[in-house]
Amino acid sequence: MSQSEISSSSRLLSFTGAVGAIFVFALILYVAYLPNRPAPFDQQVNDARQAKADEARAAGEAKLNSYEIINAEAGTVRIPIEDAMESTVAAYSAAK
């Protein structure tokens, strides 16, 4: 046997072994994944979750962008964040 015959057959065998190993690995992953696949979500459940998230987001934005009396006796009020930033900058500018 010549050196080139051993080299080409060795390369072919190595390539076939590598492709086979990848195929076996993919097959094991596929078989292991199928029984553990999560059940599909119901569209109504997704819609309900999205509605709750939208409500929470709207409530948070309302707190950031609206006026509200928190404690009348203590004089605590909630003002929009833009107004709060402007009054804070004005207070620091006046302090200088």
PDB file of N, CA and C in Angstrom:
ATOM      1  N   MET A   1       0.826  -1.168   0.000  1.00  0.00           N
ATOM      2  CA  MET A   1       0.000   0.000   0.000  1.00  0.00           C
ATOM      3  C   MET A   1       0.875   1.236   0.000  1.00  0.00           C
ATOM      4  N   SER A   2       0.409   2.190  -0.756  1.00  0.00           N
ATOM      5  CA  SER A   2       1.178   3.425  -0.812  1.00  0.00           C
ATOM      6  C   SER A   2       0.688   4.381   0.276  1.00  0.00           C
ATOM      7  N   GLN A   3       1.501   5.378   0.533  1.00  0.00           N
ATOM      8  CA  GLN A   3       1.189   6.366   1.568  1.00  0.00           C
ATOM      9  C   GLN A   3      -0.056   7.164   1.206  1.00  0.00           C
ATOM     10  N   SER A   4      -0.304   7.491  -0.089  1.00  0.00           N
ATOM     11  CA  SER A   4      -1.460   8.281  -0.491  1.00  0.00           C
ATOM     12  C   SER A   4      -2.759   7.517  -0.306  1.00  0.00           C
ATOM     13  N   GLU A   5      -2.739   6.171  -0.498  1.00  0.00           N
ATOM     14  CA  GLU A   5      -3.953   5.386  -0.282  1.00  0.00           C
ATOM     15  C   GLU A   5      -4.340   5.379   1.191  1.00  0.00           C
ATOM     16  N   ILE A   6      -3.384   5.256   2.049  1.00  0.00           N
ATOM     17  CA  ILE A   6      -3.661   5.265   3.491  1.00  0.00           C
ATOM     18  C   ILE A   6      -4.141   6.641   3.906  1.00  0.00           C
ATOM     19  N   SER A   7      -3.563   7.666   3.369  1.00  0.00           N
ATOM     20  CA  SER A   7      -3.922   9.025   3.734  1.00  0.00           C
ATOM     21  C   SER A   7      -5.339   9.367   3.288  1.00  0.00           C
ATOM     22  N   SER A   8      -5.696   9.008   2.037  1.00  0.00           N
ATOM     23  CA  SER A   8      -7.037   9.347   1.552  1.00  0.00           C
ATOM     24  C   SER A   8      -8.101   8.495   2.240  1.00  0.00           C
ATOM     25  N   SER A   9      -7.817   7.220   2.490  1.00  0.00           N
ATOM     26  CA  SER A   9      -8.807   6.397   3.190  1.00  0.00           C
ATOM     27  C   SER A   9      -8.924   6.832   4.648  1.00  0.00           C
ATOM     28  N   SER A  10      -7.825   7.255   5.222  1.00  0.00           N
ATOM     29  CA  SER A  10      -7.853   7.739   6.597  1.00  0.00           C
ATOM     30  C   SER A  10      -8.668   9.034   6.697  1.00  0.00           C
ATOM     31  N   ARG A  11      -8.503   9.926   5.735  1.00  0.00           N
ATOM     32  CA  ARG A  11      -9.283  11.157   5.718  1.00  0.00           C
ATOM     33  C   ARG A  11     -10.772  10.871   5.558  1.00  0.00           C
ATOM     34  N   LEU A  12     -11.102   9.954   4.653  1.00  0.00           N
ATOM     35  CA  LEU A  12     -12.506   9.600   4.422  1.00  0.00           C
ATOM     36  C   LEU A  12     -13.117   9.008   5.688  1.00  0.00           C
ATOM     37  N   LEU A  13     -12.379   8.140   6.349  1.00  0.00           N
ATOM     38  CA  LEU A  13     -12.879   7.526   7.575  1.00  0.00           C
ATOM     39  C   LEU A  13     -13.053   8.576   8.679  1.00  0.00           C
ATOM     40  N   SER A  14     -12.110   9.492   8.783  1.00  0.00           N
ATOM     41  CA  SER A  14     -12.212  10.553   9.791  1.00  0.00           C
ATOM     42  C   SER A  14     -13.404  11.458   9.514  1.00  0.00           C
ATOM     43  N   PHE A  15     -13.592  11.820   8.261  1.00  0.00           N
ATOM     44  CA  PHE A  15     -14.719  12.668   7.886  1.00  0.00           C
ATOM     45  C   PHE A  15     -16.041  11.965   8.159  1.00  0.00           C
ATOM     46  N   THR A  16     -16.131  10.698   7.794  1.00  0.00           N
ATOM     47  CA  THR A  16     -17.357   9.930   8.031  1.00  0.00           C
ATOM     48  C   THR A  16     -17.625   9.804   9.531  1.00  0.00           C
ATOM     49  N   GLY A  17     -16.599   9.587  10.318  1.00  0.00           N
ATOM     50  CA  GLY A  17     -16.764   9.491  11.770  1.00  0.00           C
ATOM     51  C   GLY A  17     -17.225  10.801  12.376  1.00  0.00           C
ATOM     52  N   ALA A  18     -16.655  11.919  11.892  1.00  0.00           N
ATOM     53  CA  ALA A  18     -17.057  13.228  12.422  1.00  0.00           C
ATOM     54  C   ALA A  18     -18.505  13.535  12.077  1.00  0.00           C
ATOM     55  N   VAL A  19     -18.892  13.297  10.826  1.00  0.00           N
ATOM     56  CA  VAL A  19     -20.283  13.534  10.419  1.00  0.00           C
ATOM     57  C   VAL A  19     -21.223  12.613  11.187  1.00  0.00           C
ATOM     58  N   GLY A  20     -20.824  11.373  11.374  1.00  0.00           N
ATOM     59  CA  GLY A  20     -21.643  10.428  12.134  1.00  0.00           C
ATOM     60  C   GLY A  20     -21.808  10.856  13.577  1.00  0.00           C
ATOM     61  N   ALA A  21     -20.734  11.342  14.183  1.00  0.00           N
ATOM     62  CA  ALA A  21     -20.816  11.798  15.575  1.00  0.00           C
ATOM     63  C   ALA A  21     -21.749  12.994  15.705  1.00  0.00           C
ATOM     64  N   ILE A  22     -21.673  13.924  14.760  1.00  0.00           N
ATOM     65  CA  ILE A  22     -22.582  15.075  14.780  1.00  0.00           C
ATOM     66  C   ILE A  22     -24.024  14.625  14.605  1.00  0.00           C
ATOM     67  N   PHE A  23     -24.247  13.680  13.705  1.00  0.00           N
ATOM     68  CA  PHE A  23     -25.597  13.167  13.475  1.00  0.00           C
ATOM     69  C   PHE A  23     -26.139  12.484  14.726  1.00  0.00           C
ATOM     70  N   VAL A  24     -25.334  11.668  15.381  1.00  0.00           N
ATOM     71  CA  VAL A  24     -25.775  10.979  16.601  1.00  0.00           C
ATOM     72  C   VAL A  24     -26.075  11.989  17.702  1.00  0.00           C
ATOM     73  N   PHE A  25     -25.239  13.014  17.841  1.00  0.00           N
ATOM     74  CA  PHE A  25     -25.478  14.053  18.843  1.00  0.00           C
ATOM     75  C   PHE A  25     -26.794  14.776  18.570  1.00  0.00           C
ATOM     76  N   ALA A  26     -27.035  15.124  17.305  1.00  0.00           N
ATOM     77  CA  ALA A  26     -28.287  15.793  16.936  1.00  0.00           C
ATOM     78  C   ALA A  26     -29.481  14.886  17.197  1.00  0.00           C
ATOM     79  N   LEU A  27     -29.346  13.617  16.918  1.00  0.00           N
ATOM     80  CA  LEU A  27     -30.434  12.667  17.153  1.00  0.00           C
ATOM     81  C   LEU A  27     -30.738  12.548  18.638  1.00  0.00           C
ATOM     82  N   ILE A  28     -29.713  12.502  19.467  1.00  0.00           N
ATOM     83  CA  ILE A  28     -29.923  12.421  20.917  1.00  0.00           C
ATOM     84  C   ILE A  28     -30.616  13.680  21.424  1.00  0.00           C
ATOM     85  N   LEU A  29     -30.189  14.841  20.959  1.00  0.00           N
ATOM     86  CA  LEU A  29     -30.846  16.085  21.364  1.00  0.00           C
ATOM     87  C   LEU A  29     -32.309  16.100  20.938  1.00  0.00           C
ATOM     88  N   TYR A  30     -32.568  15.670  19.731  1.00  0.00           N
ATOM     89  CA  TYR A  30     -33.936  15.659  19.216  1.00  0.00           C
ATOM     90  C   TYR A  30     -34.821  14.729  20.030  1.00  0.00           C
ATOM     91  N   VAL A  31     -34.337  13.553  20.324  1.00  0.00           N
ATOM     92  CA  VAL A  31     -35.118  12.582  21.088  1.00  0.00           C
ATOM     93  C   VAL A  31     -35.290  13.054  22.531  1.00  0.00           C
ATOM     94  N   ALA A  32     -34.283  13.686  23.094  1.00  0.00           N
ATOM     95  CA  ALA A  32     -34.389  14.158  24.472  1.00  0.00           C
ATOM     96  C   ALA A  32     -35.302  15.379  24.570  1.00  0.00           C
ATOM     97  N   TYR A  33     -35.395  16.170  23.520  1.00  0.00           N
ATOM     98  CA  TYR A  33     -36.202  17.387  23.560  1.00  0.00           C
ATOM     99  C   TYR A  33     -37.686  17.090  23.382  1.00  0.00           C
ATOM    100  N   LEU A  34     -38.029  16.147  22.546  1.00  0.00           N
ATOM    101  CA  LEU A  34     -39.443  15.896  22.242  1.00  0.00           C
ATOM    102  C   LEU A  34     -40.305  15.618  23.470  1.00  0.00           C
ATOM    103  N   PRO A  35     -39.906  14.740  24.380  1.00  0.00           N
ATOM    104  CA  PRO A  35     -40.779  14.502  25.540  1.00  0.00           C
ATOM    105  C   PRO A  35     -40.846  15.687  26.504  1.00  0.00           C
ATOM    106  N   ASN A  36     -39.862  16.549  26.481  1.00  0.00           N
ATOM    107  CA  ASN A  36     -39.807  17.653  27.435  1.00  0.00           C
ATOM    108  C   ASN A  36     -40.259  18.977  26.841  1.00  0.00           C
ATOM    109  N   ARG A  37     -40.851  18.944  25.679  1.00  0.00           N
ATOM    110  CA  ARG A  37     -41.289  20.182  25.036  1.00  0.00           C
ATOM    111  C   ARG A  37     -42.426  20.801  25.847  1.00  0.00           C
ATOM    112  N   PRO A  38     -42.363  22.099  26.123  1.00  0.00           N
ATOM    113  CA  PRO A  38     -43.443  22.727  26.895  1.00  0.00           C
ATOM    114  C   PRO A  38     -44.730  22.787  26.079  1.00  0.00           C
ATOM    115  N   ALA A  39     -45.826  22.737  26.794  1.00  0.00           N
ATOM    116  CA  ALA A  39     -47.129  22.815  26.130  1.00  0.00           C
ATOM    117  C   ALA A  39     -47.319  24.218  25.554  1.00  0.00           C
ATOM    118  N   PRO A  40     -47.961  24.323  24.408  1.00  0.00           N
ATOM    119  CA  PRO A  40     -48.176  25.656  23.831  1.00  0.00           C
ATOM    120  C   PRO A  40     -49.149  26.458  24.700  1.00  0.00           C
ATOM    121  N   PHE A  41     -48.905  27.755  24.773  1.00  0.00           N
ATOM    122  CA  PHE A  41     -49.760  28.627  25.571  1.00  0.00           C
ATOM    123  C   PHE A  41     -51.043  28.937  24.806  1.00  0.00           C
ATOM    124  N   ASP A  42     -52.076  29.114  25.565  1.00  0.00           N
ATOM    125  CA  ASP A  42     -53.353  29.483  24.987  1.00  0.00           C
ATOM    126  C   ASP A  42     -53.315  30.972  24.648  1.00  0.00           C
ATOM    127  N   GLN A  43     -53.889  31.353  23.539  1.00  0.00           N
ATOM    128  CA  GLN A  43     -53.868  32.753  23.119  1.00  0.00           C
ATOM    129  C   GLN A  43     -54.612  33.639  24.113  1.00  0.00           C
ATOM    130  N   GLN A  44     -55.652  33.112  24.742  1.00  0.00           N
ATOM    131  CA  GLN A  44     -56.390  33.895  25.735  1.00  0.00           C
ATOM    132  C   GLN A  44     -55.518  34.202  26.952  1.00  0.00           C
ATOM    133  N   VAL A  45     -54.683  33.246  27.336  1.00  0.00           N
ATOM    134  CA  VAL A  45     -53.773  33.468  28.463  1.00  0.00           C
ATOM    135  C   VAL A  45     -52.763  34.551  28.094  1.00  0.00           C
ATOM    136  N   ASN A  46     -52.235  34.498  26.881  1.00  0.00           N
ATOM    137  CA  ASN A  46     -51.295  35.523  26.433  1.00  0.00           C
ATOM    138  C   ASN A  46     -51.951  36.896  26.399  1.00  0.00           C
ATOM    139  N   ASP A  47     -53.177  36.958  25.914  1.00  0.00           N
ATOM    140  CA  ASP A  47     -53.890  38.236  25.859  1.00  0.00           C
ATOM    141  C   ASP A  47     -54.147  38.789  27.255  1.00  0.00           C
ATOM    142  N   ALA A  48     -54.505  37.908  28.205  1.00  0.00           N
ATOM    143  CA  ALA A  48     -54.757  38.342  29.577  1.00  0.00           C
ATOM    144  C   ALA A  48     -53.479  38.873  30.218  1.00  0.00           C
ATOM    145  N   ARG A  49     -52.368  38.181  29.979  1.00  0.00           N
ATOM    146  CA  ARG A  49     -51.091  38.648  30.532  1.00  0.00           C
ATOM    147  C   ARG A  49     -50.693  39.989  29.931  1.00  0.00           C
ATOM    148  N   GLN A  50     -50.906  40.140  28.631  1.00  0.00           N
ATOM    149  CA  GLN A  50     -50.558  41.406  27.979  1.00  0.00           C
ATOM    150  C   GLN A  50     -51.429  42.542  28.502  1.00  0.00           C
ATOM    151  N   ALA A  51     -52.720  42.263  28.759  1.00  0.00           N
ATOM    152  CA  ALA A  51     -53.618  43.285  29.295  1.00  0.00           C
ATOM    153  C   ALA A  51     -53.177  43.705  30.696  1.00  0.00           C
ATOM    154  N   LYS A  52     -52.778  42.731  31.536  1.00  0.00           N
ATOM    155  CA  LYS A  52     -52.298  43.072  32.878  1.00  0.00           C
ATOM    156  C   LYS A  52     -51.017  43.892  32.811  1.00  0.00           C
ATOM    157  N   ALA A  53     -50.138  43.535  31.897  1.00  0.00           N
ATOM    158  CA  ALA A  53     -48.884  44.285  31.751  1.00  0.00           C
ATOM    159  C   ALA A  53     -49.160  45.703  31.276  1.00  0.00           C
ATOM    160  N   ASP A  54     -50.101  45.854  30.347  1.00  0.00           N
ATOM    161  CA  ASP A  54     -50.455  47.189  29.860  1.00  0.00           C
ATOM    162  C   ASP A  54     -51.058  48.042  30.972  1.00  0.00           C
ATOM    163  N   GLU A  55     -51.910  47.425  31.801  1.00  0.00           N
ATOM    164  CA  GLU A  55     -52.503  48.151  32.926  1.00  0.00           C
ATOM    165  C   GLU A  55     -51.429  48.598  33.919  1.00  0.00           C
ATOM    166  N   ALA A  56     -50.492  47.720  34.224  1.00  0.00           N
ATOM    167  CA  ALA A  56     -49.424  48.068  35.167  1.00  0.00           C
ATOM    168  C   ALA A  56     -48.549  49.186  34.602  1.00  0.00           C
ATOM    169  N   ARG A  57     -48.238  49.090  33.318  1.00  0.00           N
ATOM    170  CA  ARG A  57     -47.424  50.126  32.673  1.00  0.00           C
ATOM    171  C   ARG A  57     -48.154  51.467  32.677  1.00  0.00           C
ATOM    172  N   ALA A  58     -49.470  51.443  32.386  1.00  0.00           N
ATOM    173  CA  ALA A  58     -50.251  52.684  32.384  1.00  0.00           C
ATOM    174  C   ALA A  58     -50.342  53.279  33.784  1.00  0.00           C
ATOM    175  N   ALA A  59     -50.484  52.433  34.796  1.00  0.00           N
ATOM    176  CA  ALA A  59     -50.537  52.936  36.172  1.00  0.00           C
ATOM    177  C   ALA A  59     -49.214  53.575  36.565  1.00  0.00           C
ATOM    178  N   GLY A  60     -48.108  52.970  36.168  1.00  0.00           N
ATOM    179  CA  GLY A  60     -46.800  53.537  36.466  1.00  0.00           C
ATOM    180  C   GLY A  60     -46.589  54.867  35.769  1.00  0.00           C
ATOM    181  N   GLU A  61     -46.980  54.948  34.505  1.00  0.00           N
ATOM    182  CA  GLU A  61     -46.848  56.202  33.769  1.00  0.00           C
ATOM    183  C   GLU A  61     -47.757  57.281  34.344  1.00  0.00           C
ATOM    184  N   ALA A  62     -48.940  56.889  34.807  1.00  0.00           N
ATOM    185  CA  ALA A  62     -49.846  57.862  35.418  1.00  0.00           C
ATOM    186  C   ALA A  62     -49.232  58.438  36.697  1.00  0.00           C
ATOM    187  N   LYS A  63     -48.555  57.591  37.478  1.00  0.00           N
ATOM    188  CA  LYS A  63     -47.909  58.094  38.692  1.00  0.00           C
ATOM    189  C   LYS A  63     -46.766  59.044  38.361  1.00  0.00           C
ATOM    190  N   LEU A  64     -46.064  58.781  37.248  1.00  0.00           N
ATOM    191  CA  LEU A  64     -44.939  59.641  36.881  1.00  0.00           C
ATOM    192  C   LEU A  64     -45.372  60.955  36.247  1.00  0.00           C
ATOM    193  N   ASN A  65     -46.568  60.995  35.671  1.00  0.00           N
ATOM    194  CA  ASN A  65     -46.961  62.153  34.866  1.00  0.00           C
ATOM    195  C   ASN A  65     -48.217  62.858  35.351  1.00  0.00           C
ATOM    196  N   SER A  66     -48.593  62.669  36.617  1.00  0.00           N
ATOM    197  CA  SER A  66     -49.820  63.318  37.098  1.00  0.00           C
ATOM    198  C   SER A  66     -49.608  63.914  38.484  1.00  0.00           C
ATOM    199  N   TYR A  67     -50.538  64.778  38.843  1.00  0.00           N
ATOM    200  CA  TYR A  67     -50.546  65.398  40.167  1.00  0.00           C
ATOM    201  C   TYR A  67     -51.434  64.559  41.079  1.00  0.00           C
ATOM    202  N   GLU A  68     -51.032  64.423  42.354  1.00  0.00           N
ATOM    203  CA  GLU A  68     -51.851  63.691  43.316  1.00  0.00           C
ATOM    204  C   GLU A  68     -51.476  64.143  44.725  1.00  0.00           C
ATOM    205  N   ILE A  69     -52.487  64.258  45.573  1.00  0.00           N
ATOM    206  CA  ILE A  69     -52.244  64.587  46.977  1.00  0.00           C
ATOM    207  C   ILE A  69     -52.032  63.272  47.718  1.00  0.00           C
ATOM    208  N   ILE A  70     -50.862  63.120  48.305  1.00  0.00           N
ATOM    209  CA  ILE A  70     -50.535  61.885  49.025  1.00  0.00           C
ATOM    210  C   ILE A  70     -51.005  61.980  50.474  1.00  0.00           C
ATOM    211  N   ASN A  71     -50.623  63.074  51.162  1.00  0.00           N
ATOM    212  CA  ASN A  71     -50.987  63.281  52.554  1.00  0.00           C
ATOM    213  C   ASN A  71     -51.248  64.768  52.741  1.00  0.00           C
ATOM    214  N   ALA A  72     -52.534  65.123  52.895  1.00  0.00           N
ATOM    215  CA  ALA A  72     -52.908  66.540  52.969  1.00  0.00           C
ATOM    216  C   ALA A  72     -52.388  67.197  54.248  1.00  0.00           C
ATOM    217  N   GLU A  73     -52.430  66.471  55.368  1.00  0.00           N
ATOM    218  CA  GLU A  73     -51.976  67.063  56.626  1.00  0.00           C
ATOM    219  C   GLU A  73     -50.467  67.350  56.598  1.00  0.00           C
ATOM    220  N   ALA A  74     -49.717  66.446  56.010  1.00  0.00           N
ATOM    221  CA  ALA A  74     -48.257  66.616  55.968  1.00  0.00           C
ATOM    222  C   ALA A  74     -47.818  67.469  54.788  1.00  0.00           C
ATOM    223  N   GLY A  75     -48.723  67.726  53.862  1.00  0.00           N
ATOM    224  CA  GLY A  75     -48.383  68.534  52.697  1.00  0.00           C
ATOM    225  C   GLY A  75     -47.585  67.765  51.652  1.00  0.00           C
ATOM    226  N   THR A  76     -47.796  66.465  51.581  1.00  0.00           N
ATOM    227  CA  THR A  76     -47.083  65.633  50.613  1.00  0.00           C
ATOM    228  C   THR A  76     -47.922  65.482  49.355  1.00  0.00           C
ATOM    229  N   VAL A  77     -47.326  65.858  48.240  1.00  0.00           N
ATOM    230  CA  VAL A  77     -48.019  65.737  46.958  1.00  0.00           C
ATOM    231  C   VAL A  77     -47.097  65.060  45.949  1.00  0.00           C
ATOM    232  N   ARG A  78     -47.698  64.503  44.934  1.00  0.00           N
ATOM    233  CA  ARG A  78     -46.948  63.921  43.826  1.00  0.00           C
ATOM    234  C   ARG A  78     -47.086  64.857  42.639  1.00  0.00           C
ATOM    235  N   ILE A  79     -45.953  65.214  42.046  1.00  0.00           N
ATOM    236  CA  ILE A  79     -45.983  66.085  40.867  1.00  0.00           C
ATOM    237  C   ILE A  79     -45.354  65.331  39.702  1.00  0.00           C
ATOM    238  N   PRO A  80     -45.653  65.754  38.474  1.00  0.00           N
ATOM    239  CA  PRO A  80     -45.043  65.071  37.322  1.00  0.00           C
ATOM    240  C   PRO A  80     -43.520  65.132  37.379  1.00  0.00           C
ATOM    241  N   ILE A  81     -42.891  64.123  36.862  1.00  0.00           N
ATOM    242  CA  ILE A  81     -41.443  64.007  36.955  1.00  0.00           C
ATOM    243  C   ILE A  81     -40.724  65.154  36.246  1.00  0.00           C
ATOM    244  N   GLU A  82     -41.290  65.626  35.150  1.00  0.00           N
ATOM    245  CA  GLU A  82     -40.676  66.760  34.446  1.00  0.00           C
ATOM    246  C   GLU A  82     -40.656  68.005  35.337  1.00  0.00           C
ATOM    247  N   ASP A  83     -41.787  68.264  36.016  1.00  0.00           N
ATOM    248  CA  ASP A  83     -41.851  69.412  36.926  1.00  0.00           C
ATOM    249  C   ASP A  83     -40.885  69.237  38.099  1.00  0.00           C
ATOM    250  N   ALA A  84     -40.757  68.024  38.592  1.00  0.00           N
ATOM    251  CA  ALA A  84     -39.846  67.760  39.699  1.00  0.00           C
ATOM    252  C   ALA A  84     -38.401  67.997  39.279  1.00  0.00           C
ATOM    253  N   MET A  85     -38.043  67.570  38.085  1.00  0.00           N
ATOM    254  CA  MET A  85     -36.676  67.803  37.612  1.00  0.00           C
ATOM    255  C   MET A  85     -36.405  69.288  37.437  1.00  0.00           C
ATOM    256  N   GLU A  86     -37.367  70.002  36.884  1.00  0.00           N
ATOM    257  CA  GLU A  86     -37.168  71.437  36.702  1.00  0.00           C
ATOM    258  C   GLU A  86     -37.045  72.171  38.027  1.00  0.00           C
ATOM    259  N   SER A  87     -37.885  71.806  39.027  1.00  0.00           N
ATOM    260  CA  SER A  87     -37.797  72.483  40.327  1.00  0.00           C
ATOM    261  C   SER A  87     -36.514  72.113  41.057  1.00  0.00           C
ATOM    262  N   THR A  88     -36.018  70.896  40.854  1.00  0.00           N
ATOM    263  CA  THR A  88     -34.749  70.502  41.485  1.00  0.00           C
ATOM    264  C   THR A  88     -33.599  71.278  40.880  1.00  0.00           C
ATOM    265  N   VAL A  89     -33.580  71.427  39.554  1.00  0.00           N
ATOM    266  CA  VAL A  89     -32.535  72.194  38.902  1.00  0.00           C
ATOM    267  C   VAL A  89     -32.612  73.667  39.326  1.00  0.00           C
ATOM    268  N   ALA A  90     -33.820  74.185  39.424  1.00  0.00           N
ATOM    269  CA  ALA A  90     -33.976  75.574  39.860  1.00  0.00           C
ATOM    270  C   ALA A  90     -33.498  75.745  41.302  1.00  0.00           C
ATOM    271  N   ALA A  91     -33.771  74.798  42.164  1.00  0.00           N
ATOM    272  CA  ALA A  91     -33.338  74.894  43.556  1.00  0.00           C
ATOM    273  C   ALA A  91     -31.825  74.837  43.663  1.00  0.00           C
ATOM    274  N   TYR A  92     -31.174  73.970  42.881  1.00  0.00           N
ATOM    275  CA  TYR A  92     -29.714  73.906  42.903  1.00  0.00           C
ATOM    276  C   TYR A  92     -29.092  75.152  42.283  1.00  0.00           C
ATOM    277  N   SER A  93     -29.723  75.685  41.270  1.00  0.00           N
ATOM    278  CA  SER A  93     -29.204  76.911  40.641  1.00  0.00           C
ATOM    279  C   SER A  93     -29.336  78.094  41.595  1.00  0.00           C
ATOM    280  N   ALA A  94     -30.415  78.155  42.344  1.00  0.00           N
ATOM    281  CA  ALA A  94     -30.614  79.250  43.302  1.00  0.00           C
ATOM    282  C   ALA A  94     -29.654  79.124  44.484  1.00  0.00           C
ATOM    283  N   ALA A  95     -29.260  77.904  44.819  1.00  0.00           N
ATOM    284  CA  ALA A  95     -28.346  77.690  45.942  1.00  0.00           C
ATOM    285  C   ALA A  95     -26.942  78.163  45.625  1.00  0.00           C
ATOM    286  N   LYS A  96     -26.575  78.185  44.368  1.00  0.00           N
ATOM    287  CA  LYS A  96     -25.218  78.637  43.993  1.00  0.00           C
ATOM    288  C   LYS A  96     -25.134  80.083  44.117  1.00  0.00           C
TER     289      LYS A  96
END
